[in-house]
Amino acid sequence: IVVPPLPGKAWQRQVPGFLRRDDGIFEDDFIEERRKGLEQFVNKVAGHPLAQNERSLHVFLQETTIDFDKYIPGKVRNS
């Protein structure tokens, strides 16, 4: 499966040694654009023919809490 890239973040915050500023990441416009980009990303992944029926994707999108202490990569319980 080819996974589309995540929408961009404020890349300056991710570069070690770069001047630390908020770079506008708390502004309403930035947050709304990031939300739209993440929504498009999730829709592309969830709409992919090979991913749309994956139980792990459904768990990720629908569960309100996930117990990561019991999480085993590659295995999803049906409970």
PDB file of N, CA and C in Angstrom:
ATOM      1  N   ILE A   1       0.850  -1.176   0.000  1.00  0.00           N
ATOM      2  CA  ILE A   1       0.000   0.000   0.000  1.00  0.00           C
ATOM      3  C   ILE A   1       0.895   1.237   0.000  1.00  0.00           C
ATOM      4  N   VAL A   2       0.624   2.146  -0.888  1.00  0.00           N
ATOM      5  CA  VAL A   2       1.334   3.423  -0.898  1.00  0.00           C
ATOM      6  C   VAL A   2       0.547   4.385  -0.022  1.00  0.00           C
ATOM      7  N   VAL A   3       1.179   4.831   1.041  1.00  0.00           N
ATOM      8  CA  VAL A   3       0.523   5.736   1.993  1.00  0.00           C
ATOM      9  C   VAL A   3       0.858   7.168   1.594  1.00  0.00           C
ATOM     10  N   PRO A   4      -0.161   8.024   1.458  1.00  0.00           N
ATOM     11  CA  PRO A   4       0.122   9.420   1.112  1.00  0.00           C
ATOM     12  C   PRO A   4       0.879  10.106   2.239  1.00  0.00           C
ATOM     13  N   PRO A   5       1.668  11.120   1.907  1.00  0.00           N
ATOM     14  CA  PRO A   5       2.396  11.824   2.961  1.00  0.00           C
ATOM     15  C   PRO A   5       1.441  12.603   3.855  1.00  0.00           C
ATOM     16  N   LEU A   6       1.819  12.709   5.114  1.00  0.00           N
ATOM     17  CA  LEU A   6       1.051  13.543   6.037  1.00  0.00           C
ATOM     18  C   LEU A   6       1.182  14.997   5.606  1.00  0.00           C
ATOM     19  N   PRO A   7       0.169  15.810   5.880  1.00  0.00           N
ATOM     20  CA  PRO A   7       0.302  17.234   5.572  1.00  0.00           C
ATOM     21  C   PRO A   7       1.406  17.855   6.411  1.00  0.00           C
ATOM     22  N   GLY A   8       1.998  18.919   5.903  1.00  0.00           N
ATOM     23  CA  GLY A   8       3.143  19.536   6.552  1.00  0.00           C
ATOM     24  C   GLY A   8       2.857  20.107   7.925  1.00  0.00           C
ATOM     25  N   LYS A   9       3.867  20.047   8.754  1.00  0.00           N
ATOM     26  CA  LYS A   9       3.819  20.682  10.073  1.00  0.00           C
ATOM     27  C   LYS A   9       4.671  21.941   9.990  1.00  0.00           C
ATOM     28  N   ALA A  10       4.805  22.598  11.084  1.00  0.00           N
ATOM     29  CA  ALA A  10       5.742  23.711  11.154  1.00  0.00           C
ATOM     30  C   ALA A  10       7.137  23.089  11.223  1.00  0.00           C
ATOM     31  N   TRP A  11       7.771  22.912  10.071  1.00  0.00           N
ATOM     32  CA  TRP A  11       9.016  22.147   9.982  1.00  0.00           C
ATOM     33  C   TRP A  11      10.131  22.725  10.844  1.00  0.00           C
ATOM     34  N   GLN A  12      10.104  24.016  11.083  1.00  0.00           N
ATOM     35  CA  GLN A  12      11.156  24.616  11.896  1.00  0.00           C
ATOM     36  C   GLN A  12      11.176  24.044  13.305  1.00  0.00           C
ATOM     37  N   ARG A  13      10.013  23.604  13.794  1.00  0.00           N
ATOM     38  CA  ARG A  13       9.938  23.047  15.147  1.00  0.00           C
ATOM     39  C   ARG A  13      10.590  21.674  15.206  1.00  0.00           C
ATOM     40  N   GLN A  14      10.787  21.036  14.058  1.00  0.00           N
ATOM     41  CA  GLN A  14      11.320  19.683  14.029  1.00  0.00           C
ATOM     42  C   GLN A  14      12.824  19.644  13.800  1.00  0.00           C
ATOM     43  N   VAL A  15      13.421  20.763  13.419  1.00  0.00           N
ATOM     44  CA  VAL A  15      14.845  20.796  13.103  1.00  0.00           C
ATOM     45  C   VAL A  15      15.629  21.130  14.368  1.00  0.00           C
ATOM     46  N   PRO A  16      16.495  20.196  14.828  1.00  0.00           N
ATOM     47  CA  PRO A  16      17.286  20.467  16.035  1.00  0.00           C
ATOM     48  C   PRO A  16      18.162  21.706  15.853  1.00  0.00           C
ATOM     49  N   GLY A  17      18.231  22.511  16.869  1.00  0.00           N
ATOM     50  CA  GLY A  17      19.083  23.686  16.839  1.00  0.00           C
ATOM     51  C   GLY A  17      18.454  24.896  16.161  1.00  0.00           C
ATOM     52  N   PHE A  18      17.307  24.722  15.537  1.00  0.00           N
ATOM     53  CA  PHE A  18      16.646  25.851  14.884  1.00  0.00           C
ATOM     54  C   PHE A  18      16.058  26.747  15.968  1.00  0.00           C
ATOM     55  N   LEU A  19      16.010  28.032  15.701  1.00  0.00           N
ATOM     56  CA  LEU A  19      15.440  28.954  16.681  1.00  0.00           C
ATOM     57  C   LEU A  19      14.035  28.517  17.048  1.00  0.00           C
ATOM     58  N   ARG A  20      13.775  28.415  18.315  1.00  0.00           N
ATOM     59  CA  ARG A  20      12.469  27.948  18.784  1.00  0.00           C
ATOM     60  C   ARG A  20      11.507  29.126  18.914  1.00  0.00           C
ATOM     61  N   ARG A  21      10.532  29.131  18.042  1.00  0.00           N
ATOM     62  CA  ARG A  21       9.432  30.085  18.119  1.00  0.00           C
ATOM     63  C   ARG A  21       8.182  29.279  17.865  1.00  0.00           C
ATOM     64  N   ASP A  22       7.037  29.842  18.123  1.00  0.00           N
ATOM     65  CA  ASP A  22       5.819  29.078  17.834  1.00  0.00           C
ATOM     66  C   ASP A  22       5.524  29.053  16.340  1.00  0.00           C
ATOM     67  N   ASP A  23       6.145  29.942  15.561  1.00  0.00           N
ATOM     68  CA  ASP A  23       6.012  29.965  14.107  1.00  0.00           C
ATOM     69  C   ASP A  23       4.566  29.947  13.647  1.00  0.00           C
ATOM     70  N   GLY A  24       3.686  30.490  14.451  1.00  0.00           N
ATOM     71  CA  GLY A  24       2.291  30.598  14.061  1.00  0.00           C
ATOM     72  C   GLY A  24       1.490  29.327  14.167  1.00  0.00           C
ATOM     73  N   ILE A  25       2.050  28.292  14.803  1.00  0.00           N
ATOM     74  CA  ILE A  25       1.341  27.011  14.853  1.00  0.00           C
ATOM     75  C   ILE A  25       0.127  27.035  15.763  1.00  0.00           C
ATOM     76  N   PHE A  26      -0.033  28.090  16.538  1.00  0.00           N
ATOM     77  CA  PHE A  26      -1.201  28.193  17.409  1.00  0.00           C
ATOM     78  C   PHE A  26      -2.256  29.145  16.841  1.00  0.00           C
ATOM     79  N   GLU A  27      -2.006  29.662  15.654  1.00  0.00           N
ATOM     80  CA  GLU A  27      -2.971  30.559  15.021  1.00  0.00           C
ATOM     81  C   GLU A  27      -4.113  29.745  14.429  1.00  0.00           C
ATOM     82  N   ASP A  28      -5.312  30.318  14.480  1.00  0.00           N
ATOM     83  CA  ASP A  28      -6.503  29.615  14.002  1.00  0.00           C
ATOM     84  C   ASP A  28      -6.382  29.167  12.549  1.00  0.00           C
ATOM     85  N   ASP A  29      -5.816  30.007  11.690  1.00  0.00           N
ATOM     86  CA  ASP A  29      -5.691  29.649  10.271  1.00  0.00           C
ATOM     87  C   ASP A  29      -4.788  28.434  10.081  1.00  0.00           C
ATOM     88  N   PHE A  30      -3.661  28.414  10.797  1.00  0.00           N
ATOM     89  CA  PHE A  30      -2.749  27.276  10.685  1.00  0.00           C
ATOM     90  C   PHE A  30      -3.425  26.004  11.177  1.00  0.00           C
ATOM     91  N   ILE A  31      -4.102  26.084  12.305  1.00  0.00           N
ATOM     92  CA  ILE A  31      -4.769  24.914  12.882  1.00  0.00           C
ATOM     93  C   ILE A  31      -5.840  24.392  11.934  1.00  0.00           C
ATOM     94  N   GLU A  32      -6.613  25.287  11.334  1.00  0.00           N
ATOM     95  CA  GLU A  32      -7.673  24.864  10.411  1.00  0.00           C
ATOM     96  C   GLU A  32      -7.089  24.213   9.152  1.00  0.00           C
ATOM     97  N   GLU A  33      -6.016  24.776   8.607  1.00  0.00           N
ATOM     98  CA  GLU A  33      -5.381  24.172   7.427  1.00  0.00           C
ATOM     99  C   GLU A  33      -4.801  22.800   7.764  1.00  0.00           C
ATOM    100  N   ARG A  34      -4.197  22.684   8.922  1.00  0.00           N
ATOM    101  CA  ARG A  34      -3.646  21.394   9.361  1.00  0.00           C
ATOM    102  C   ARG A  34      -4.772  20.372   9.544  1.00  0.00           C
ATOM    103  N   ARG A  35      -5.885  20.790  10.133  1.00  0.00           N
ATOM    104  CA  ARG A  35      -7.029  19.898  10.331  1.00  0.00           C
ATOM    105  C   ARG A  35      -7.568  19.411   8.991  1.00  0.00           C
ATOM    106  N   LYS A  36      -7.705  20.319   8.030  1.00  0.00           N
ATOM    107  CA  LYS A  36      -8.191  19.935   6.699  1.00  0.00           C
ATOM    108  C   LYS A  36      -7.237  18.939   6.041  1.00  0.00           C
ATOM    109  N   GLY A  37      -5.950  19.204   6.156  1.00  0.00           N
ATOM    110  CA  GLY A  37      -4.959  18.303   5.575  1.00  0.00           C
ATOM    111  C   GLY A  37      -5.000  16.922   6.210  1.00  0.00           C
ATOM    112  N   LEU A  38      -5.141  16.869   7.532  1.00  0.00           N
ATOM    113  CA  LEU A  38      -5.227  15.580   8.224  1.00  0.00           C
ATOM    114  C   LEU A  38      -6.503  14.840   7.852  1.00  0.00           C
ATOM    115  N   GLU A  39      -7.599  15.578   7.682  1.00  0.00           N
ATOM    116  CA  GLU A  39      -8.860  14.956   7.264  1.00  0.00           C
ATOM    117  C   GLU A  39      -8.729  14.348   5.867  1.00  0.00           C
ATOM    118  N   GLN A  40      -8.089  15.067   4.953  1.00  0.00           N
ATOM    119  CA  GLN A  40      -7.867  14.535   3.606  1.00  0.00           C
ATOM    120  C   GLN A  40      -6.985  13.290   3.659  1.00  0.00           C
ATOM    121  N   PHE A  41      -5.947  13.322   4.494  1.00  0.00           N
ATOM    122  CA  PHE A  41      -5.051  12.177   4.641  1.00  0.00           C
ATOM    123  C   PHE A  41      -5.816  10.950   5.126  1.00  0.00           C
ATOM    124  N   VAL A  42      -6.605  11.113   6.185  1.00  0.00           N
ATOM    125  CA  VAL A  42      -7.371   9.991   6.739  1.00  0.00           C
ATOM    126  C   VAL A  42      -8.365   9.469   5.707  1.00  0.00           C
ATOM    127  N   ASN A  43      -9.020  10.359   4.977  1.00  0.00           N
ATOM    128  CA  ASN A  43      -9.969   9.931   3.953  1.00  0.00           C
ATOM    129  C   ASN A  43      -9.287   9.139   2.843  1.00  0.00           C
ATOM    130  N   LYS A  44      -8.079   9.547   2.438  1.00  0.00           N
ATOM    131  CA  LYS A  44      -7.345   8.809   1.405  1.00  0.00           C
ATOM    132  C   LYS A  44      -6.968   7.420   1.901  1.00  0.00           C
ATOM    133  N   VAL A  45      -6.469   7.341   3.126  1.00  0.00           N
ATOM    134  CA  VAL A  45      -6.082   6.038   3.681  1.00  0.00           C
ATOM    135  C   VAL A  45      -7.316   5.158   3.863  1.00  0.00           C
ATOM    136  N   ALA A  46      -8.359   5.702   4.466  1.00  0.00           N
ATOM    137  CA  ALA A  46      -9.567   4.916   4.736  1.00  0.00           C
ATOM    138  C   ALA A  46     -10.290   4.511   3.454  1.00  0.00           C
ATOM    139  N   GLY A  47     -10.103   5.266   2.387  1.00  0.00           N
ATOM    140  CA  GLY A  47     -10.755   4.946   1.126  1.00  0.00           C
ATOM    141  C   GLY A  47      -9.970   4.009   0.233  1.00  0.00           C
ATOM    142  N   HIS A  48      -8.754   3.657   0.632  1.00  0.00           N
ATOM    143  CA  HIS A  48      -7.930   2.761  -0.180  1.00  0.00           C
ATOM    144  C   HIS A  48      -8.525   1.359  -0.135  1.00  0.00           C
ATOM    145  N   PRO A  49      -8.660   0.701  -1.299  1.00  0.00           N
ATOM    146  CA  PRO A  49      -9.293  -0.627  -1.338  1.00  0.00           C
ATOM    147  C   PRO A  49      -8.642  -1.664  -0.420  1.00  0.00           C
ATOM    148  N   LEU A  50      -7.333  -1.590  -0.230  1.00  0.00           N
ATOM    149  CA  LEU A  50      -6.661  -2.570   0.628  1.00  0.00           C
ATOM    150  C   LEU A  50      -6.711  -2.194   2.105  1.00  0.00           C
ATOM    151  N   ALA A  51      -6.949  -0.938   2.404  1.00  0.00           N
ATOM    152  CA  ALA A  51      -6.945  -0.494   3.801  1.00  0.00           C
ATOM    153  C   ALA A  51      -8.343  -0.368   4.391  1.00  0.00           C
ATOM    154  N   GLN A  52      -9.341  -0.148   3.555  1.00  0.00           N
ATOM    155  CA  GLN A  52     -10.664   0.199   4.081  1.00  0.00           C
ATOM    156  C   GLN A  52     -11.321  -0.899   4.899  1.00  0.00           C
ATOM    157  N   ASN A  53     -10.918  -2.140   4.727  1.00  0.00           N
ATOM    158  CA  ASN A  53     -11.503  -3.231   5.508  1.00  0.00           C
ATOM    159  C   ASN A  53     -10.583  -3.734   6.618  1.00  0.00           C
ATOM    160  N   GLU A  54      -9.491  -3.042   6.846  1.00  0.00           N
ATOM    161  CA  GLU A  54      -8.542  -3.445   7.884  1.00  0.00           C
ATOM    162  C   GLU A  54      -9.106  -3.138   9.267  1.00  0.00           C
ATOM    163  N   ARG A  55      -9.171  -4.157  10.091  1.00  0.00           N
ATOM    164  CA  ARG A  55      -9.698  -3.993  11.455  1.00  0.00           C
ATOM    165  C   ARG A  55      -8.873  -2.975  12.248  1.00  0.00           C
ATOM    166  N   SER A  56      -7.565  -2.994  12.072  1.00  0.00           N
ATOM    167  CA  SER A  56      -6.713  -2.066  12.830  1.00  0.00           C
ATOM    168  C   SER A  56      -7.034  -0.612  12.488  1.00  0.00           C
ATOM    169  N   LEU A  57      -7.370  -0.327  11.239  1.00  0.00           N
ATOM    170  CA  LEU A  57      -7.750   1.033  10.858  1.00  0.00           C
ATOM    171  C   LEU A  57      -9.067   1.419  11.523  1.00  0.00           C
ATOM    172  N   HIS A  58     -10.021   0.495  11.530  1.00  0.00           N
ATOM    173  CA  HIS A  58     -11.311   0.764  12.173  1.00  0.00           C
ATOM    174  C   HIS A  58     -11.136   1.002  13.676  1.00  0.00           C
ATOM    175  N   VAL A  59     -10.286   0.210  14.312  1.00  0.00           N
ATOM    176  CA  VAL A  59     -10.023   0.397  15.745  1.00  0.00           C
ATOM    177  C   VAL A  59      -9.420   1.778  15.976  1.00  0.00           C
ATOM    178  N   PHE A  60      -8.422   2.135  15.178  1.00  0.00           N
ATOM    179  CA  PHE A  60      -7.757   3.430  15.326  1.00  0.00           C
ATOM    180  C   PHE A  60      -8.743   4.585  15.175  1.00  0.00           C
ATOM    181  N   LEU A  61      -9.653   4.477  14.211  1.00  0.00           N
ATOM    182  CA  LEU A  61     -10.574   5.575  13.930  1.00  0.00           C
ATOM    183  C   LEU A  61     -11.782   5.618  14.860  1.00  0.00           C
ATOM    184  N   GLN A  62     -12.153   4.479  15.454  1.00  0.00           N
ATOM    185  CA  GLN A  62     -13.406   4.431  16.194  1.00  0.00           C
ATOM    186  C   GLN A  62     -13.272   4.288  17.706  1.00  0.00           C
ATOM    187  N   GLU A  63     -12.205   3.683  18.183  1.00  0.00           N
ATOM    188  CA  GLU A  63     -12.072   3.473  19.625  1.00  0.00           C
ATOM    189  C   GLU A  63     -11.762   4.787  20.326  1.00  0.00           C
ATOM    190  N   THR A  64     -12.389   4.996  21.465  1.00  0.00           N
ATOM    191  CA  THR A  64     -12.115   6.213  22.225  1.00  0.00           C
ATOM    192  C   THR A  64     -10.839   6.086  23.051  1.00  0.00           C
ATOM    193  N   THR A  65     -10.504   4.861  23.456  1.00  0.00           N
ATOM    194  CA  THR A  65      -9.251   4.620  24.171  1.00  0.00           C
ATOM    195  C   THR A  65      -8.611   3.353  23.625  1.00  0.00           C
ATOM    196  N   ILE A  66      -7.304   3.363  23.549  1.00  0.00           N
ATOM    197  CA  ILE A  66      -6.545   2.191  23.107  1.00  0.00           C
ATOM    198  C   ILE A  66      -5.515   1.898  24.185  1.00  0.00           C
ATOM    199  N   ASP A  67      -5.518   0.672  24.691  1.00  0.00           N
ATOM    200  CA  ASP A  67      -4.569   0.269  25.728  1.00  0.00           C
ATOM    201  C   ASP A  67      -3.269  -0.164  25.051  1.00  0.00           C
ATOM    202  N   PHE A  68      -2.307   0.745  24.958  1.00  0.00           N
ATOM    203  CA  PHE A  68      -1.063   0.456  24.258  1.00  0.00           C
ATOM    204  C   PHE A  68      -0.179  -0.528  25.018  1.00  0.00           C
ATOM    205  N   ASP A  69      -0.455  -0.744  26.316  1.00  0.00           N
ATOM    206  CA  ASP A  69       0.299  -1.752  27.062  1.00  0.00           C
ATOM    207  C   ASP A  69      -0.044  -3.153  26.571  1.00  0.00           C
ATOM    208  N   LYS A  70      -1.258  -3.333  26.058  1.00  0.00           N
ATOM    209  CA  LYS A  70      -1.694  -4.634  25.555  1.00  0.00           C
ATOM    210  C   LYS A  70      -1.584  -4.732  24.035  1.00  0.00           C
ATOM    211  N   TYR A  71      -1.162  -3.652  23.392  1.00  0.00           N
ATOM    212  CA  TYR A  71      -1.078  -3.616  21.932  1.00  0.00           C
ATOM    213  C   TYR A  71       0.068  -4.492  21.441  1.00  0.00           C
ATOM    214  N   ILE A  72      -0.221  -5.323  20.465  1.00  0.00           N
ATOM    215  CA  ILE A  72       0.797  -6.148  19.817  1.00  0.00           C
ATOM    216  C   ILE A  72       0.771  -5.796  18.337  1.00  0.00           C
ATOM    217  N   PRO A  73       1.865  -5.255  17.792  1.00  0.00           N
ATOM    218  CA  PRO A  73       1.872  -4.883  16.376  1.00  0.00           C
ATOM    219  C   PRO A  73       1.459  -6.055  15.487  1.00  0.00           C
ATOM    220  N   GLY A  74       0.554  -5.787  14.560  1.00  0.00           N
ATOM    221  CA  GLY A  74       0.101  -6.811  13.624  1.00  0.00           C
ATOM    222  C   GLY A  74      -1.059  -7.643  14.123  1.00  0.00           C
ATOM    223  N   LYS A  75      -1.477  -7.451  15.372  1.00  0.00           N
ATOM    224  CA  LYS A  75      -2.586  -8.233  15.914  1.00  0.00           C
ATOM    225  C   LYS A  75      -3.636  -7.306  16.505  1.00  0.00           C
ATOM    226  N   VAL A  76      -4.882  -7.534  16.111  1.00  0.00           N
ATOM    227  CA  VAL A  76      -6.004  -6.760  16.638  1.00  0.00           C
ATOM    228  C   VAL A  76      -7.032  -7.748  17.137  1.00  0.00           C
ATOM    229  N   ARG A  77      -7.425  -7.586  18.383  1.00  0.00           N
ATOM    230  CA  ARG A  77      -8.438  -8.482  18.951  1.00  0.00           C
ATOM    231  C   ARG A  77      -9.818  -8.067  18.477  1.00  0.00           C
ATOM    232  N   ASN A  78     -10.704  -9.023  18.369  1.00  0.00           N
ATOM    233  CA  ASN A  78     -12.065  -8.748  17.928  1.00  0.00           C
ATOM    234  C   ASN A  78     -13.006  -8.451  19.078  1.00  0.00           C
ATOM    235  N   SER A  79     -12.495  -8.250  20.266  1.00  0.00           N
ATOM    236  CA  SER A  79     -13.360  -7.988  21.426  1.00  0.00           C
ATOM    237  C   SER A  79     -13.745  -6.541  21.517  1.00  0.00           C
TER     238      SER A  79
END
